[in-house]
C-alpha atoms as a PDB file:
ATOM      1  CA  MET A   1      75.703  18.161  44.612  1.00  0.00           C
ATOM      2  CA  GLY A   2      78.777  15.920  44.177  1.00  0.00           C
ATOM      3  CA  ILE A   3      78.541  12.420  42.733  1.00  0.00           C
ATOM      4  CA  GLN A   4      79.504  10.823  46.047  1.00  0.00           C
ATOM      5  CA  GLU A   5      76.816  12.759  47.893  1.00  0.00           C
ATOM      6  CA  SER A   6      74.323  11.813  45.181  1.00  0.00           C
ATOM      7  CA  PHE A   7      75.193   8.149  45.705  1.00  0.00           C
ATOM      8  CA  ILE A   8      74.764   8.394  49.478  1.00  0.00           C
ATOM      9  CA  ASN A   9      71.368  10.060  49.034  1.00  0.00           C
ATOM     10  CA  TYR A  10      70.413   7.275  46.627  1.00  0.00           C
ATOM     11  CA  LEU A  11      71.240   4.728  49.347  1.00  0.00           C
ATOM     12  CA  LYS A  12      69.288   6.656  51.972  1.00  0.00           C
ATOM     13  CA  TYR A  13      66.158   7.645  50.099  1.00  0.00           C
ATOM     14  CA  GLU A  14      65.759   5.246  47.182  1.00  0.00           C
ATOM     15  CA  LYS A  15      67.358   2.054  48.481  1.00  0.00           C
ATOM     16  CA  ARG A  16      66.232   2.917  52.041  1.00  0.00           C
ATOM     17  CA  CYS A  17      69.378   1.375  53.520  1.00  0.00           C
ATOM     18  CA  SER A  18      69.851   1.446  57.278  1.00  0.00           C
ATOM     19  CA  SER A  19      72.034   4.186  58.760  1.00  0.00           C
ATOM     20  CA  HIS A  20      74.641   1.545  59.628  1.00  0.00           C
ATOM     21  CA  THR A  21      74.785   0.356  55.999  1.00  0.00           C
ATOM     22  CA  VAL A  22      75.022   3.900  54.660  1.00  0.00           C
ATOM     23  CA  VAL A  23      77.933   4.689  56.988  1.00  0.00           C
ATOM     24  CA  ALA A  24      79.724   1.501  55.866  1.00  0.00           C
ATOM     25  CA  TYR A  25      79.259   2.385  52.168  1.00  0.00           C
ATOM     26  CA  GLN A  26      80.449   5.934  52.812  1.00  0.00           C
ATOM     27  CA  HIS A  27      83.576   4.698  54.611  1.00  0.00           C
ATOM     28  CA  ASP A  28      84.430   2.182  51.860  1.00  0.00           C
ATOM     29  CA  LEU A  29      83.942   4.769  49.119  1.00  0.00           C
ATOM     30  CA  ASP A  30      86.010   7.400  50.953  1.00  0.00           C
ATOM     31  CA  GLN A  31      88.787   4.830  51.324  1.00  0.00           C
ATOM     32  CA  PHE A  32      88.722   4.037  47.611  1.00  0.00           C
ATOM     33  CA  VAL A  33      88.683   7.704  46.613  1.00  0.00           C
ATOM     34  CA  GLN A  34      91.677   8.376  48.876  1.00  0.00           C
ATOM     35  CA  PHE A  35      93.574   5.442  47.350  1.00  0.00           C
ATOM     36  CA  CYS A  36      92.938   6.730  43.824  1.00  0.00           C
ATOM     37  CA  THR A  37      94.036  10.250  44.809  1.00  0.00           C
ATOM     38  CA  ASP A  38      97.232   8.934  46.426  1.00  0.00           C
ATOM     39  CA  SER A  39      97.977   6.653  43.453  1.00  0.00           C
ATOM     40  CA  VAL A  40      97.282   8.868  40.437  1.00  0.00           C
ATOM     41  CA  GLY A  41      96.946  12.326  41.967  1.00  0.00           C
ATOM     42  CA  GLU A  42      93.188  12.673  41.505  1.00  0.00           C
ATOM     43  CA  PHE A  43      89.853  10.865  41.589  1.00  0.00           C
ATOM     44  CA  ASP A  44      88.268  11.037  38.157  1.00  0.00           C
ATOM     45  CA  ILE A  45      85.405   8.586  37.540  1.00  0.00           C
ATOM     46  CA  ASN A  46      86.274   8.477  33.841  1.00  0.00           C
ATOM     47  CA  LYS A  47      89.870   7.465  34.532  1.00  0.00           C
ATOM     48  CA  VAL A  48      89.186   4.691  37.034  1.00  0.00           C
ATOM     49  CA  ASP A  49      89.835   1.346  35.328  1.00  0.00           C
ATOM     50  CA  SER A  50      89.963  -2.287  36.447  1.00  0.00           C
ATOM     51  CA  LYS A  51      93.762  -2.071  36.830  1.00  0.00           C
ATOM     52  CA  LEU A  52      93.423   0.667  39.444  1.00  0.00           C
ATOM     53  CA  VAL A  53      90.685  -1.265  41.258  1.00  0.00           C
ATOM     54  CA  ARG A  54      92.899  -4.393  41.318  1.00  0.00           C
ATOM     55  CA  GLU A  55      95.753  -2.352  42.767  1.00  0.00           C
ATOM     56  CA  TRP A  56      93.400  -1.201  45.530  1.00  0.00           C
ATOM     57  CA  VAL A  57      92.423  -4.801  46.268  1.00  0.00           C
ATOM     58  CA  VAL A  58      96.105  -5.786  46.469  1.00  0.00           C
ATOM     59  CA  SER A  59      96.779  -2.926  48.896  1.00  0.00           C
ATOM     60  CA  LEU A  60      93.867  -4.029  51.092  1.00  0.00           C
ATOM     61  CA  MET A  61      95.157  -7.609  51.171  1.00  0.00           C
ATOM     62  CA  GLU A  62      98.689  -6.401  51.956  1.00  0.00           C
ATOM     63  CA  ASN A  63      97.243  -4.526  54.925  1.00  0.00           C
ATOM     64  CA  LYS A  64      95.970  -7.888  56.245  1.00  0.00           C
ATOM     65  CA  LEU A  65      92.323  -7.183  55.556  1.00  0.00           C
ATOM     66  CA  SER A  66      90.267 -10.374  55.510  1.00  0.00           C
ATOM     67  CA  PRO A  67      88.869 -11.611  52.157  1.00  0.00           C
ATOM     68  CA  ARG A  68      85.356 -11.137  53.545  1.00  0.00           C
ATOM     69  CA  SER A  69      86.054  -7.460  54.304  1.00  0.00           C
ATOM     70  CA  VAL A  70      87.597  -6.967  50.849  1.00  0.00           C
ATOM     71  CA  HIS A  71      84.443  -8.462  49.319  1.00  0.00           C
ATOM     72  CA  ARG A  72      82.310  -5.951  51.205  1.00  0.00           C
ATOM     73  CA  LYS A  73      84.448  -2.975  50.155  1.00  0.00           C
ATOM     74  CA  LEU A  74      84.445  -4.067  46.517  1.00  0.00           C
ATOM     75  CA  SER A  75      80.684  -4.472  46.698  1.00  0.00           C
ATOM     76  CA  SER A  76      80.358  -0.869  47.925  1.00  0.00           C
ATOM     77  CA  VAL A  77      82.506   0.504  45.104  1.00  0.00           C
ATOM     78  CA  LYS A  78      80.736  -1.687  42.529  1.00  0.00           C
ATOM     79  CA  MET A  79      77.369  -0.290  43.654  1.00  0.00           C
ATOM     80  CA  PHE A  80      78.772   3.245  43.373  1.00  0.00           C
ATOM     81  CA  PHE A  81      79.832   2.743  39.752  1.00  0.00           C
ATOM     82  CA  LYS A  82      76.572   0.972  38.988  1.00  0.00           C
ATOM     83  CA  HIS A  83      74.810   4.107  40.206  1.00  0.00           C
ATOM     84  CA  LEU A  84      77.013   6.237  37.934  1.00  0.00           C
ATOM     85  CA  MET A  85      76.095   4.027  34.963  1.00  0.00           C
ATOM     86  CA  LYS A  86      72.423   4.452  35.814  1.00  0.00           C
ATOM     87  CA  MET A  87      72.973   8.222  35.754  1.00  0.00           C
ATOM     88  CA  GLU A  88      74.728   7.761  32.363  1.00  0.00           C
ATOM     89  CA  LEU A  89      77.921   9.367  33.666  1.00  0.00           C
ATOM     90  CA  ILE A  90      80.085   6.372  32.669  1.00  0.00           C
ATOM     91  CA  ASP A  91      79.760   3.574  30.112  1.00  0.00           C
ATOM     92  CA  ALA A  92      81.208   0.596  32.021  1.00  0.00           C
ATOM     93  CA  ASN A  93      81.678  -0.568  35.596  1.00  0.00           C
ATOM     94  CA  PRO A  94      85.442  -1.020  36.227  1.00  0.00           C
ATOM     95  CA  VAL A  95      84.825  -3.323  39.191  1.00  0.00           C
ATOM     96  CA  MET A  96      82.987  -5.995  37.190  1.00  0.00           C
ATOM     97  CA  SER A  97      86.128  -7.642  35.776  1.00  0.00           C
ATOM     98  CA  VAL A  98      88.086  -7.610  39.050  1.00  0.00           C
ATOM     99  CA  PRO A  99      88.431 -11.116  40.542  1.00  0.00           C
ATOM    100  CA  LEU A 100      87.361 -11.477  44.153  1.00  0.00           C
ATOM    101  CA  PRO A 101      89.698 -12.996  46.757  1.00  0.00           C
ATOM    102  CA  LYS A 102      88.598 -16.432  47.871  1.00  0.00           C
ATOM    103  CA  VAL A 103      86.542 -16.449  51.063  1.00  0.00           C
ATOM    104  CA  ARG A 104      86.827 -19.533  53.191  1.00  0.00           C
ATOM    105  CA  LYS A 105      83.396 -20.696  54.203  1.00  0.00           C
ATOM    106  CA  LYS A 106      82.921 -20.861  57.934  1.00  0.00           C
ATOM    107  CA  LEU A 107      81.785 -24.355  58.827  1.00  0.00           C
ATOM    108  CA  PRO A 108      78.566 -24.461  60.838  1.00  0.00           C
ATOM    109  CA  GLY A 109      78.860 -25.469  64.466  1.00  0.00           C
ATOM    110  CA  PHE A 110      76.828 -28.426  65.692  1.00  0.00           C
ATOM    111  CA  VAL A 111      76.087 -30.284  68.911  1.00  0.00           C
ATOM    112  CA  GLY A 112      77.249 -33.865  69.404  1.00  0.00           C
ATOM    113  CA  GLU A 113      74.673 -36.677  69.364  1.00  0.00           C
ATOM    114  CA  LYS A 114      75.465 -37.827  72.900  1.00  0.00           C
ATOM    115  CA  ASN A 115      75.099 -34.298  74.232  1.00  0.00           C
ATOM    116  CA  LEU A 116      71.629 -33.900  72.736  1.00  0.00           C
ATOM    117  CA  HIS A 117      70.476 -37.340  73.871  1.00  0.00           C
ATOM    118  CA  HIS A 118      71.679 -36.402  77.358  1.00  0.00           C
ATOM    119  CA  LEU A 119      69.728 -33.122  77.283  1.00  0.00           C
ATOM    120  CA  LEU A 120      66.498 -34.630  75.954  1.00  0.00           C
ATOM    121  CA  ASP A 121      66.491 -37.932  77.835  1.00  0.00           C
ATOM    122  CA  ASP A 122      67.974 -37.288  81.276  1.00  0.00           C
ATOM    123  CA  GLY A 123      65.463 -35.118  83.111  1.00  0.00           C
ATOM    124  CA  PHE A 124      66.669 -31.602  82.352  1.00  0.00           C
ATOM    125  CA  PHE A 125      63.137 -30.290  81.715  1.00  0.00           C
ATOM    126  CA  SER A 126      60.384 -29.800  84.296  1.00  0.00           C
ATOM    127  CA  LYS A 127      57.020 -31.510  83.856  1.00  0.00           C
ATOM    128  CA  ASP A 128      54.899 -28.348  83.965  1.00  0.00           C
ATOM    129  CA  PHE A 129      53.651 -26.461  80.881  1.00  0.00           C
ATOM    130  CA  SER A 130      56.748 -24.294  80.372  1.00  0.00           C
ATOM    131  CA  GLY A 131      59.117 -27.244  80.855  1.00  0.00           C
ATOM    132  CA  ILE A 132      57.325 -29.469  78.350  1.00  0.00           C
ATOM    133  CA  ARG A 133      57.029 -26.559  75.903  1.00  0.00           C
ATOM    134  CA  ASP A 134      60.764 -25.823  76.188  1.00  0.00           C
ATOM    135  CA  LYS A 135      61.610 -29.469  75.593  1.00  0.00           C
ATOM    136  CA  LEU A 136      59.270 -29.492  72.584  1.00  0.00           C
ATOM    137  CA  ILE A 137      61.029 -26.431  71.143  1.00  0.00           C
ATOM    138  CA  VAL A 138      64.439 -28.118  71.317  1.00  0.00           C
ATOM    139  CA  GLU A 139      63.103 -31.459  70.098  1.00  0.00           C
ATOM    140  CA  MET A 140      61.221 -29.892  67.171  1.00  0.00           C
ATOM    141  CA  LEU A 141      64.229 -27.861  66.011  1.00  0.00           C
ATOM    142  CA  TYR A 142      66.576 -30.835  66.255  1.00  0.00           C
ATOM    143  CA  GLY A 143      64.067 -33.446  65.074  1.00  0.00           C
ATOM    144  CA  THR A 144      62.867 -31.596  61.960  1.00  0.00           C
ATOM    145  CA  GLY A 145      65.569 -29.038  61.090  1.00  0.00           C
ATOM    146  CA  VAL A 146      62.986 -26.281  60.618  1.00  0.00           C
ATOM    147  CA  ARG A 147      63.938 -22.630  60.580  1.00  0.00           C
ATOM    148  CA  LEU A 148      62.972 -20.442  63.522  1.00  0.00           C
ATOM    149  CA  SER A 149      60.323 -18.615  61.471  1.00  0.00           C
ATOM    150  CA  GLU A 150      58.859 -21.940  60.331  1.00  0.00           C
ATOM    151  CA  LEU A 151      58.604 -23.170  63.908  1.00  0.00           C
ATOM    152  CA  LEU A 152      56.875 -19.982  65.070  1.00  0.00           C
ATOM    153  CA  ASN A 153      54.319 -20.240  62.238  1.00  0.00           C
ATOM    154  CA  LEU A 154      53.553 -23.896  62.873  1.00  0.00           C
ATOM    155  CA  ASN A 155      49.895 -24.538  63.686  1.00  0.00           C
ATOM    156  CA  GLU A 156      48.536 -27.668  65.345  1.00  0.00           C
ATOM    157  CA  ASN A 157      46.673 -28.603  62.161  1.00  0.00           C
ATOM    158  CA  HIS A 158      50.027 -28.676  60.343  1.00  0.00           C
ATOM    159  CA  ILE A 159      51.024 -31.719  62.397  1.00  0.00           C
ATOM    160  CA  ASP A 160      50.011 -35.206  61.279  1.00  0.00           C
ATOM    161  CA  LEU A 161      50.561 -37.511  64.243  1.00  0.00           C
ATOM    162  CA  LYS A 162      49.458 -40.585  62.308  1.00  0.00           C
ATOM    163  CA  SER A 163      51.977 -40.107  59.517  1.00  0.00           C
ATOM    164  CA  TYR A 164      54.670 -38.589  61.769  1.00  0.00           C
ATOM    165  CA  GLN A 165      55.107 -35.513  59.617  1.00  0.00           C
ATOM    166  CA  ILE A 166      54.617 -31.763  59.643  1.00  0.00           C
ATOM    167  CA  LYS A 167      53.839 -29.245  56.900  1.00  0.00           C
ATOM    168  CA  VAL A 168      55.814 -26.007  56.989  1.00  0.00           C
ATOM    169  CA  THR A 169      55.880 -22.898  54.833  1.00  0.00           C
ATOM    170  CA  GLY A 170      59.444 -21.815  54.116  1.00  0.00           C
ATOM    171  CA  LYS A 171      61.089 -19.052  52.132  1.00  0.00           C
ATOM    172  CA  ARG A 172      59.149 -17.634  49.165  1.00  0.00           C
ATOM    173  CA  ASN A 173      56.023 -19.317  50.627  1.00  0.00           C
ATOM    174  CA  LYS A 174      57.244 -22.716  49.504  1.00  0.00           C
ATOM    175  CA  GLU A 175      55.542 -25.555  51.382  1.00  0.00           C
ATOM    176  CA  ARG A 176      57.280 -28.803  52.262  1.00  0.00           C
ATOM    177  CA  ILE A 177      56.489 -31.934  54.250  1.00  0.00           C
ATOM    178  CA  ILE A 178      59.022 -33.043  56.882  1.00  0.00           C
ATOM    179  CA  PRO A 179      58.966 -36.345  58.792  1.00  0.00           C
ATOM    180  CA  PHE A 180      59.600 -36.184  62.527  1.00  0.00           C
ATOM    181  CA  PRO A 181      61.014 -38.807  64.916  1.00  0.00           C
ATOM    182  CA  ARG A 182      58.596 -41.085  66.733  1.00  0.00           C
ATOM    183  CA  THR A 183      59.845 -39.794  70.088  1.00  0.00           C
ATOM    184  CA  LEU A 184      58.156 -36.486  69.263  1.00  0.00           C
ATOM    185  CA  LYS A 185      54.610 -37.876  69.122  1.00  0.00           C
ATOM    186  CA  PRO A 186      54.094 -38.473  72.865  1.00  0.00           C
ATOM    187  CA  LEU A 187      55.784 -35.134  73.624  1.00  0.00           C
ATOM    188  CA  ILE A 188      53.425 -33.263  71.281  1.00  0.00           C
ATOM    189  CA  GLU A 189      50.420 -35.056  72.802  1.00  0.00           C
ATOM    190  CA  GLU A 190      51.564 -34.233  76.345  1.00  0.00           C
ATOM    191  CA  TYR A 191      52.140 -30.601  75.416  1.00  0.00           C
ATOM    192  CA  ARG A 192      48.714 -30.272  73.769  1.00  0.00           C
ATOM    193  CA  LEU A 193      47.032 -31.683  76.862  1.00  0.00           C
ATOM    194  CA  LEU A 194      48.844 -29.270  79.181  1.00  0.00           C
ATOM    195  CA  LYS A 195      48.103 -26.411  76.799  1.00  0.00           C
ATOM    196  CA  LYS A 196      44.374 -27.182  76.942  1.00  0.00           C
ATOM    197  CA  GLU A 197      44.437 -27.546  80.747  1.00  0.00           C
ATOM    198  CA  GLN A 198      46.403 -24.318  81.165  1.00  0.00           C
ATOM    199  CA  PHE A 199      44.483 -22.062  78.778  1.00  0.00           C
ATOM    200  CA  GLY A 200      41.207 -23.846  78.114  1.00  0.00           C
ATOM    201  CA  PHE A 201      41.544 -24.125  74.349  1.00  0.00           C
ATOM    202  CA  GLU A 202      43.276 -26.199  71.728  1.00  0.00           C
ATOM    203  CA  GLY A 203      44.257 -25.773  68.103  1.00  0.00           C
ATOM    204  CA  GLY A 204      45.748 -22.668  66.545  1.00  0.00           C
ATOM    205  CA  VAL A 205      49.432 -21.814  66.747  1.00  0.00           C
ATOM    206  CA  LEU A 206      51.406 -24.647  68.336  1.00  0.00           C
ATOM    207  CA  LEU A 207      53.808 -22.818  70.643  1.00  0.00           C
ATOM    208  CA  LEU A 208      52.561 -20.430  73.310  1.00  0.00           C
ATOM    209  CA  THR A 209      54.155 -18.306  76.020  1.00  0.00           C
ATOM    210  CA  ASP A 210      53.411 -18.871  79.705  1.00  0.00           C
ATOM    211  CA  LYS A 211      50.600 -16.309  79.299  1.00  0.00           C
ATOM    212  CA  GLY A 212      48.978 -18.097  76.377  1.00  0.00           C
ATOM    213  CA  GLU A 213      50.226 -15.713  73.691  1.00  0.00           C
ATOM    214  CA  PRO A 214      51.928 -16.929  70.489  1.00  0.00           C
ATOM    215  CA  ALA A 215      55.620 -17.628  71.076  1.00  0.00           C
ATOM    216  CA  TYR A 216      58.118 -15.098  69.713  1.00  0.00           C
ATOM    217  CA  GLU A 217      61.751 -15.135  68.535  1.00  0.00           C
ATOM    218  CA  LYS A 218      63.433 -14.023  71.772  1.00  0.00           C
ATOM    219  CA  LEU A 219      61.622 -16.735  73.734  1.00  0.00           C
ATOM    220  CA  ILE A 220      62.846 -19.454  71.355  1.00  0.00           C
ATOM    221  CA  TYR A 221      66.401 -18.074  71.432  1.00  0.00           C
ATOM    222  CA  ARG A 222      66.370 -17.945  75.232  1.00  0.00           C
ATOM    223  CA  VAL A 223      65.038 -21.496  75.558  1.00  0.00           C
ATOM    224  CA  VAL A 224      67.608 -22.902  73.137  1.00  0.00           C
ATOM    225  CA  LYS A 225      70.568 -20.991  74.555  1.00  0.00           C
ATOM    226  CA  THR A 226      69.718 -21.807  78.164  1.00  0.00           C
ATOM    227  CA  ASN A 227      69.316 -25.510  77.521  1.00  0.00           C
ATOM    228  CA  LEU A 228      72.189 -26.043  75.103  1.00  0.00           C
ATOM    229  CA  SER A 229      74.460 -24.330  77.651  1.00  0.00           C
ATOM    230  CA  LYS A 230      73.873 -27.335  79.908  1.00  0.00           C
ATOM    231  CA  VAL A 231      75.439 -29.799  77.475  1.00  0.00           C
ATOM    232  CA  THR A 232      77.798 -27.931  75.130  1.00  0.00           C
ATOM    233  CA  SER A 233      80.497 -25.274  75.251  1.00  0.00           C
ATOM    234  CA  LEU A 234      79.788 -24.074  71.703  1.00  0.00           C
ATOM    235  CA  GLU A 235      80.102 -20.313  71.415  1.00  0.00           C
ATOM    236  CA  LYS A 236      76.906 -20.139  69.343  1.00  0.00           C
ATOM    237  CA  ARG A 237      73.881 -21.802  70.904  1.00  0.00           C
ATOM    238  CA  SER A 238      71.036 -20.639  68.687  1.00  0.00           C
ATOM    239  CA  PRO A 239      68.034 -22.268  66.981  1.00  0.00           C
ATOM    240  CA  HIS A 240      70.064 -22.277  63.755  1.00  0.00           C
ATOM    241  CA  VAL A 241      72.750 -24.391  65.441  1.00  0.00           C
ATOM    242  CA  LEU A 242      70.106 -27.084  65.968  1.00  0.00           C
ATOM    243  CA  ARG A 243      69.266 -26.865  62.249  1.00  0.00           C
ATOM    244  CA  HIS A 244      72.980 -27.327  61.483  1.00  0.00           C
ATOM    245  CA  THR A 245      73.059 -30.234  63.916  1.00  0.00           C
ATOM    246  CA  TYR A 246      70.043 -31.880  62.269  1.00  0.00           C
ATOM    247  CA  ALA A 247      71.683 -31.741  58.819  1.00  0.00           C
ATOM    248  CA  THR A 248      75.108 -32.842  60.052  1.00  0.00           C
ATOM    249  CA  HIS A 249      73.763 -35.833  61.977  1.00  0.00           C
ATOM    250  CA  LEU A 250      71.676 -36.963  58.989  1.00  0.00           C
ATOM    251  CA  LEU A 251      74.702 -36.867  56.694  1.00  0.00           C
ATOM    252  CA  ASN A 252      76.907 -38.563  59.289  1.00  0.00           C
ATOM    253  CA  LYS A 253      74.402 -41.428  59.285  1.00  0.00           C
ATOM    254  CA  GLY A 254      74.557 -41.752  55.497  1.00  0.00           C
ATOM    255  CA  ALA A 255      71.600 -39.649  54.357  1.00  0.00           C
ATOM    256  CA  ASP A 256      71.562 -38.639  50.685  1.00  0.00           C
ATOM    257  CA  LEU A 257      72.621 -35.026  50.125  1.00  0.00           C
ATOM    258  CA  ASN A 258      69.671 -34.285  47.813  1.00  0.00           C
ATOM    259  CA  ALA A 259      67.250 -35.653  50.397  1.00  0.00           C
ATOM    260  CA  VAL A 260      68.749 -33.416  53.090  1.00  0.00           C
ATOM    261  CA  LYS A 261      68.446 -30.468  50.678  1.00  0.00           C
ATOM    262  CA  GLU A 262      64.697 -31.115  50.333  1.00  0.00           C
ATOM    263  CA  LEU A 263      64.232 -31.587  54.080  1.00  0.00           C
ATOM    264  CA  LEU A 264      65.970 -28.278  54.816  1.00  0.00           C
ATOM    265  CA  GLY A 265      64.038 -26.441  52.101  1.00  0.00           C
ATOM    266  CA  HIS A 266      67.155 -25.214  50.300  1.00  0.00           C
ATOM    267  CA  SER A 267      66.572 -23.899  46.781  1.00  0.00           C
ATOM    268  CA  ASN A 268      69.918 -25.207  45.491  1.00  0.00           C
ATOM    269  CA  LEU A 269      72.406 -27.881  46.453  1.00  0.00           C
ATOM    270  CA  SER A 270      75.301 -25.512  47.140  1.00  0.00           C
ATOM    271  CA  ALA A 271      73.586 -24.307  50.319  1.00  0.00           C
ATOM    272  CA  THR A 272      73.460 -27.891  51.583  1.00  0.00           C
ATOM    273  CA  GLU A 273      76.967 -28.890  50.493  1.00  0.00           C
ATOM    274  CA  ILE A 274      78.586 -26.942  53.344  1.00  0.00           C
ATOM    275  CA  TYR A 275      77.505 -29.763  55.658  1.00  0.00           C
ATOM    276  CA  THR A 276      79.538 -32.257  53.659  1.00  0.00           C
ATOM    277  CA  HIS A 277      82.667 -30.366  54.731  1.00  0.00           C
ATOM    278  CA  THR A 278      81.699 -30.864  58.340  1.00  0.00           C
ATOM    279  CA  THR A 279      81.109 -34.578  57.888  1.00  0.00           C
ATOM    280  CA  PHE A 280      84.305 -34.950  55.841  1.00  0.00           C
ATOM    281  CA  GLU A 281      86.306 -33.332  58.639  1.00  0.00           C
ATOM    282  CA  LYS A 282      84.881 -35.903  61.034  1.00  0.00           C
ATOM    283  CA  LEU A 283      85.776 -38.739  58.667  1.00  0.00           C
ATOM    284  CA  HIS A 284      89.279 -37.333  58.295  1.00  0.00           C
ATOM    285  CA  ARG A 285      89.762 -37.249  62.070  1.00  0.00           C
ATOM    286  CA  ILE A 286      88.564 -40.850  62.322  1.00  0.00           C
ATOM    287  CA  TYR A 287      90.993 -41.835  59.563  1.00  0.00           C
ATOM    288  CA  GLU A 288      93.915 -40.150  61.290  1.00  0.00           C
ATOM    289  CA  GLN A 289      93.068 -41.855  64.584  1.00  0.00           C
ATOM    290  CA  ALA A 290      92.411 -45.304  63.145  1.00  0.00           C
ATOM    291  CA  HIS A 291      94.697 -45.832  60.153  1.00  0.00           C
ATOM    292  CA  PRO A 292      98.128 -47.280  60.978  1.00  0.00           C
ATOM    293  CA  ARG A 293      99.804 -44.648  58.821  1.00  0.00           C
ATOM    294  CA  GLY A 294      97.267 -41.903  59.483  1.00  0.00           C
END
C-alpha cells in the first residue's frame, strides 16, 4: 500500500471523515504531488522541504486561488505529513514553518434596527398559537442573542419573568444568565397561555410545533427566513444573523465589548471583536457623510 493510500485510509477509518472531506483531501494532496513532480522531477517525502511548499503556495496564489482555499490545501498537506511523522517515516513536518496568506474575515451581516422594529411591532404575526410562537422565536433570538441550539433546549423553568432573564447551556455545557428585554415578558406569557389552551399542559421545553412536539432546527430556520424576508434583502436570513444583529446593535449603542462577549457565551474576546469591525464601518460611513472634509 502506498503512503498516499495509507493516509486516505487513515482519514476514512480512523478519523472517520465524511466522504466529501476525504475527496477534498485526496484532491489537494494529488495537486501537491503533481506540483512536486513537475518542479523537481519526482515526489519524495524525504526531499520535500519548506522551500518547495512555499513555492507551491506562491503558484496557487498566482493562479488566483483565494487565501481561504490556500489555507485549506495547506491544511490537507500538513495533515498528510503529520501522518507520516506518526508513522515515523519522516522527522519533521515541512509545512509547519510556511506562513499562511492572510484571510480577510467576512463581516457578519445584520438587520437594521428600524427593520426589526417594523417586523415585531407592526402586525406581521397572526394572533393564533403558531403566529405568537413565530414572533417569540424571532424576538428571543434578537432579544437575547442565543444560539439556535440554546433556543431549542430552553425550558420554561429556565425563564425568570421576575428578573427578566434566562439561563442557557452553551458550548462545552457552560451555563450563562442572559437578560431579556421587557417587551418579551408579555409575549412569553401570551405564548404560554396559548400553549396550555392548545395542548392542555404547561412547562417543559418552551418552543413547540403546531402538533405539540418539541421544535426542531428546520422549523426555526423557516420561521426566521420567512419573516426576515419581509423586512430585509440580506442574502442570509438565518437564526445566526439575528445573533449577529443582537451583538452589533449592542455595540452600536455603546455596550462594553467584554460584556457582549459574556452575553454571547464566547470563550475568548477575538470571537467577539469581529463585531467591532462592523460598528467601525458604520462610524466611518457616518464620518464621511457628516464631516466637512470627510
